[in-house]
Amino acid sequence: MSRPELIKKLKQKNPKLNQSEIEATIDIFLESISSALKKGIAVEIRGFGRWYFKKLKENFNARNPATNELIYKPERVKVRFKASKKLNEIINK
């Protein structure tokens, strides 16, 4: 589902809200999640899932497949999402 589709669906369920209010709400929601993740705080929404960090180790032996030369990949952090049991049940029904 894309952002415009989400806005359209929310507008259908809440006809009293105008489109700019719905867009502002979505922006605030996404900005809050992004800023928390930027600060290193995991985000959990009960019944939906959680976003958390996974540290990836540095790699000294990585190879460029095109030239076959060794390259160094530094330690990095990736954001992961884990769906809640409730969301998994809804998806797998």
N, C-alpha and C. Protein backbone atom coordinates (compact mmCIF):
# COMPACT_ATOMS: atom_id res chain seq x y z
N MET A 1 0.85 -1.17 0.00
CA MET A 1 0.00 0.00 0.00
C MET A 1 0.89 1.23 0.00
N SER A 2 0.59 2.14 -0.87
CA SER A 2 1.36 3.37 -0.95
C SER A 2 0.75 4.44 -0.04
N ARG A 3 1.49 5.52 0.11
CA ARG A 3 1.03 6.62 0.96
C ARG A 3 -0.31 7.21 0.49
N PRO A 4 -0.47 7.50 -0.82
CA PRO A 4 -1.78 8.03 -1.26
C PRO A 4 -2.94 7.06 -1.03
N GLU A 5 -2.68 5.76 -1.18
CA GLU A 5 -3.73 4.77 -0.92
C GLU A 5 -4.10 4.77 0.56
N LEU A 6 -3.10 4.88 1.42
CA LEU A 6 -3.35 4.93 2.86
C LEU A 6 -4.17 6.17 3.22
N ILE A 7 -3.83 7.30 2.65
CA ILE A 7 -4.57 8.54 2.91
C ILE A 7 -6.01 8.40 2.45
N LYS A 8 -6.20 7.81 1.27
CA LYS A 8 -7.55 7.62 0.72
C LYS A 8 -8.39 6.71 1.62
N LYS A 9 -7.78 5.62 2.11
CA LYS A 9 -8.49 4.68 2.97
C LYS A 9 -8.85 5.33 4.31
N LEU A 10 -7.92 6.11 4.88
CA LEU A 10 -8.21 6.82 6.13
C LEU A 10 -9.30 7.87 5.94
N LYS A 11 -9.32 8.50 4.79
CA LYS A 11 -10.35 9.50 4.47
C LYS A 11 -11.72 8.84 4.38
N GLN A 12 -11.77 7.63 3.82
CA GLN A 12 -13.05 6.91 3.72
C GLN A 12 -13.56 6.51 5.11
N LYS A 13 -12.65 6.10 6.00
CA LYS A 13 -13.06 5.68 7.33
C LYS A 13 -13.37 6.86 8.25
N ASN A 14 -12.73 8.03 7.99
CA ASN A 14 -12.93 9.23 8.81
C ASN A 14 -13.29 10.40 7.90
N PRO A 15 -14.51 10.47 7.42
CA PRO A 15 -14.88 11.55 6.48
C PRO A 15 -14.86 12.94 7.11
N LYS A 16 -14.88 13.04 8.45
CA LYS A 16 -14.86 14.35 9.10
C LYS A 16 -13.49 15.02 8.99
N LEU A 17 -12.43 14.22 8.86
CA LEU A 17 -11.08 14.78 8.74
C LEU A 17 -10.81 15.16 7.29
N ASN A 18 -10.13 16.29 7.11
CA ASN A 18 -9.76 16.64 5.73
C ASN A 18 -8.41 16.02 5.39
N GLN A 19 -8.07 16.06 4.13
CA GLN A 19 -6.86 15.37 3.66
C GLN A 19 -5.59 15.92 4.28
N SER A 20 -5.52 17.23 4.47
CA SER A 20 -4.30 17.81 5.04
C SER A 20 -4.08 17.35 6.49
N GLU A 21 -5.16 17.18 7.25
CA GLU A 21 -5.03 16.68 8.62
C GLU A 21 -4.53 15.24 8.63
N ILE A 22 -5.04 14.43 7.71
CA ILE A 22 -4.60 13.03 7.62
C ILE A 22 -3.14 12.97 7.23
N GLU A 23 -2.73 13.78 6.25
CA GLU A 23 -1.33 13.81 5.82
C GLU A 23 -0.42 14.25 6.96
N ALA A 24 -0.84 15.26 7.72
CA ALA A 24 -0.05 15.74 8.84
C ALA A 24 0.10 14.66 9.91
N THR A 25 -0.97 13.91 10.16
CA THR A 25 -0.92 12.84 11.14
C THR A 25 0.06 11.75 10.72
N ILE A 26 0.01 11.36 9.45
CA ILE A 26 0.93 10.34 8.93
C ILE A 26 2.36 10.85 9.01
N ASP A 27 2.58 12.11 8.64
CA ASP A 27 3.92 12.69 8.71
C ASP A 27 4.48 12.68 10.13
N ILE A 28 3.65 13.07 11.09
CA ILE A 28 4.08 13.10 12.49
C ILE A 28 4.41 11.68 12.97
N PHE A 29 3.58 10.72 12.59
CA PHE A 29 3.79 9.32 12.98
C PHE A 29 5.12 8.80 12.44
N LEU A 30 5.36 9.00 11.16
CA LEU A 30 6.59 8.51 10.53
C LEU A 30 7.82 9.27 11.04
N GLU A 31 7.67 10.56 11.26
CA GLU A 31 8.78 11.36 11.77
C GLU A 31 9.15 10.93 13.19
N SER A 32 8.16 10.59 14.00
CA SER A 32 8.41 10.14 15.38
C SER A 32 9.19 8.83 15.38
N ILE A 33 8.78 7.91 14.52
CA ILE A 33 9.49 6.63 14.43
C ILE A 33 10.92 6.86 13.95
N SER A 34 11.08 7.69 12.91
CA SER A 34 12.41 7.96 12.36
C SER A 34 13.33 8.61 13.39
N SER A 35 12.83 9.59 14.11
CA SER A 35 13.67 10.29 15.08
C SER A 35 14.06 9.37 16.24
N ALA A 36 13.14 8.50 16.66
CA ALA A 36 13.47 7.55 17.73
C ALA A 36 14.55 6.58 17.27
N LEU A 37 14.44 6.10 16.05
CA LEU A 37 15.44 5.18 15.52
C LEU A 37 16.78 5.87 15.34
N LYS A 38 16.75 7.14 14.95
CA LYS A 38 17.99 7.91 14.80
C LYS A 38 18.72 8.03 16.13
N LYS A 39 17.96 8.15 17.22
CA LYS A 39 18.54 8.28 18.55
C LYS A 39 18.98 6.94 19.11
N GLY A 40 18.65 5.85 18.43
CA GLY A 40 19.05 4.53 18.89
C GLY A 40 18.02 3.85 19.78
N ILE A 41 16.80 4.33 19.75
CA ILE A 41 15.73 3.78 20.57
C ILE A 41 14.88 2.85 19.71
N ALA A 42 14.66 1.63 20.18
CA ALA A 42 13.79 0.69 19.46
C ALA A 42 12.34 1.16 19.62
N VAL A 43 11.53 0.94 18.59
CA VAL A 43 10.13 1.38 18.59
C VAL A 43 9.23 0.16 18.56
N GLU A 44 8.26 0.12 19.48
CA GLU A 44 7.33 -1.00 19.53
C GLU A 44 5.91 -0.49 19.52
N ILE A 45 5.10 -1.05 18.64
CA ILE A 45 3.67 -0.75 18.61
C ILE A 45 2.96 -2.06 18.89
N ARG A 46 2.34 -2.16 20.04
CA ARG A 46 1.70 -3.40 20.46
C ARG A 46 0.64 -3.82 19.45
N GLY A 47 0.64 -5.09 19.11
CA GLY A 47 -0.32 -5.62 18.15
C GLY A 47 0.10 -5.43 16.70
N PHE A 48 1.17 -4.70 16.46
CA PHE A 48 1.65 -4.48 15.09
C PHE A 48 3.05 -5.05 14.90
N GLY A 49 4.01 -4.56 15.69
CA GLY A 49 5.37 -5.06 15.57
C GLY A 49 6.35 -4.09 16.19
N ARG A 50 7.63 -4.37 15.96
CA ARG A 50 8.65 -3.49 16.49
C ARG A 50 9.80 -3.34 15.51
N TRP A 51 10.39 -2.16 15.56
CA TRP A 51 11.59 -1.85 14.79
C TRP A 51 12.74 -1.86 15.77
N TYR A 52 13.82 -2.54 15.42
CA TYR A 52 14.97 -2.62 16.30
C TYR A 52 16.24 -2.63 15.46
N PHE A 53 17.38 -2.54 16.13
CA PHE A 53 18.67 -2.48 15.45
C PHE A 53 19.38 -3.81 15.52
N LYS A 54 20.11 -4.10 14.48
CA LYS A 54 20.98 -5.26 14.47
C LYS A 54 22.35 -4.78 14.02
N LYS A 55 23.36 -5.08 14.84
CA LYS A 55 24.72 -4.68 14.53
C LYS A 55 25.34 -5.70 13.59
N LEU A 56 25.89 -5.25 12.48
CA LEU A 56 26.58 -6.13 11.55
C LEU A 56 28.07 -5.95 11.74
N LYS A 57 28.77 -7.05 11.90
CA LYS A 57 30.20 -7.00 12.15
C LYS A 57 30.96 -6.48 10.94
N GLU A 58 32.14 -5.94 11.21
CA GLU A 58 32.99 -5.52 10.11
C GLU A 58 33.51 -6.75 9.39
N ASN A 59 33.79 -6.59 8.11
CA ASN A 59 34.22 -7.72 7.32
C ASN A 59 35.49 -7.34 6.56
N PHE A 60 36.56 -8.03 6.87
CA PHE A 60 37.84 -7.75 6.22
C PHE A 60 38.02 -8.55 4.93
N ASN A 61 37.24 -9.62 4.77
CA ASN A 61 37.46 -10.52 3.66
C ASN A 61 36.39 -10.44 2.57
N ALA A 62 35.67 -9.36 2.50
CA ALA A 62 34.66 -9.22 1.45
C ALA A 62 35.36 -9.01 0.11
N ARG A 63 34.74 -9.51 -0.94
CA ARG A 63 35.33 -9.39 -2.28
C ARG A 63 34.36 -8.70 -3.22
N ASN A 64 34.94 -7.87 -4.07
CA ASN A 64 34.17 -7.27 -5.15
C ASN A 64 34.02 -8.34 -6.23
N PRO A 65 32.79 -8.77 -6.55
CA PRO A 65 32.63 -9.86 -7.50
C PRO A 65 33.08 -9.52 -8.93
N ALA A 66 33.06 -8.26 -9.28
CA ALA A 66 33.45 -7.87 -10.63
C ALA A 66 34.96 -7.94 -10.83
N THR A 67 35.73 -7.44 -9.83
CA THR A 67 37.18 -7.38 -9.98
C THR A 67 37.91 -8.42 -9.11
N ASN A 68 37.17 -9.07 -8.22
CA ASN A 68 37.72 -10.07 -7.32
C ASN A 68 38.74 -9.49 -6.34
N GLU A 69 38.72 -8.18 -6.11
CA GLU A 69 39.65 -7.58 -5.16
C GLU A 69 39.03 -7.54 -3.77
N LEU A 70 39.85 -7.62 -2.75
CA LEU A 70 39.39 -7.57 -1.37
C LEU A 70 38.94 -6.15 -1.03
N ILE A 71 37.83 -6.04 -0.34
CA ILE A 71 37.35 -4.74 0.13
C ILE A 71 37.03 -4.86 1.61
N TYR A 72 37.06 -3.73 2.29
CA TYR A 72 36.77 -3.68 3.72
C TYR A 72 35.38 -3.13 3.92
N LYS A 73 34.55 -3.85 4.69
CA LYS A 73 33.21 -3.37 5.03
C LYS A 73 33.21 -3.06 6.52
N PRO A 74 33.04 -1.80 6.91
CA PRO A 74 33.09 -1.44 8.33
C PRO A 74 31.85 -1.95 9.09
N GLU A 75 31.95 -1.90 10.41
CA GLU A 75 30.82 -2.27 11.25
C GLU A 75 29.68 -1.30 10.97
N ARG A 76 28.47 -1.82 10.90
CA ARG A 76 27.33 -0.97 10.59
C ARG A 76 26.09 -1.47 11.33
N VAL A 77 25.06 -0.65 11.34
CA VAL A 77 23.82 -0.98 12.02
C VAL A 77 22.69 -0.98 11.00
N LYS A 78 21.85 -1.99 11.07
CA LYS A 78 20.69 -2.08 10.19
C LYS A 78 19.43 -2.08 11.03
N VAL A 79 18.37 -1.50 10.48
CA VAL A 79 17.08 -1.50 11.15
C VAL A 79 16.31 -2.72 10.68
N ARG A 80 15.74 -3.43 11.62
CA ARG A 80 14.95 -4.62 11.33
C ARG A 80 13.54 -4.42 11.85
N PHE A 81 12.58 -5.14 11.26
CA PHE A 81 11.20 -5.09 11.72
C PHE A 81 10.76 -6.50 12.04
N LYS A 82 10.13 -6.67 13.19
CA LYS A 82 9.59 -7.97 13.57
C LYS A 82 8.10 -7.79 13.83
N ALA A 83 7.29 -8.53 13.10
CA ALA A 83 5.84 -8.43 13.25
C ALA A 83 5.41 -9.10 14.54
N SER A 84 4.32 -8.60 15.13
CA SER A 84 3.80 -9.17 16.37
C SER A 84 3.06 -10.47 16.05
N LYS A 85 2.76 -11.24 17.09
CA LYS A 85 2.01 -12.48 16.90
C LYS A 85 0.66 -12.20 16.26
N LYS A 86 0.04 -11.14 16.73
CA LYS A 86 -1.29 -10.78 16.24
C LYS A 86 -1.25 -10.47 14.74
N LEU A 87 -0.26 -9.69 14.30
CA LEU A 87 -0.12 -9.35 12.89
C LEU A 87 0.21 -10.60 12.07
N ASN A 88 1.06 -11.47 12.59
CA ASN A 88 1.37 -12.71 11.89
C ASN A 88 0.14 -13.59 11.73
N GLU A 89 -0.71 -13.64 12.76
CA GLU A 89 -1.95 -14.42 12.66
C GLU A 89 -2.86 -13.84 11.59
N ILE A 90 -2.98 -12.51 11.54
CA ILE A 90 -3.84 -11.88 10.53
C ILE A 90 -3.32 -12.16 9.13
N ILE A 91 -2.01 -12.07 8.94
CA ILE A 91 -1.42 -12.28 7.62
C ILE A 91 -1.55 -13.73 7.18
N ASN A 92 -1.37 -14.67 8.10
CA ASN A 92 -1.35 -16.09 7.75
C ASN A 92 -2.69 -16.79 7.78
N LYS A 93 -3.77 -16.06 7.95
CA LYS A 93 -5.12 -16.70 7.94
C LYS A 93 -5.57 -16.97 6.54
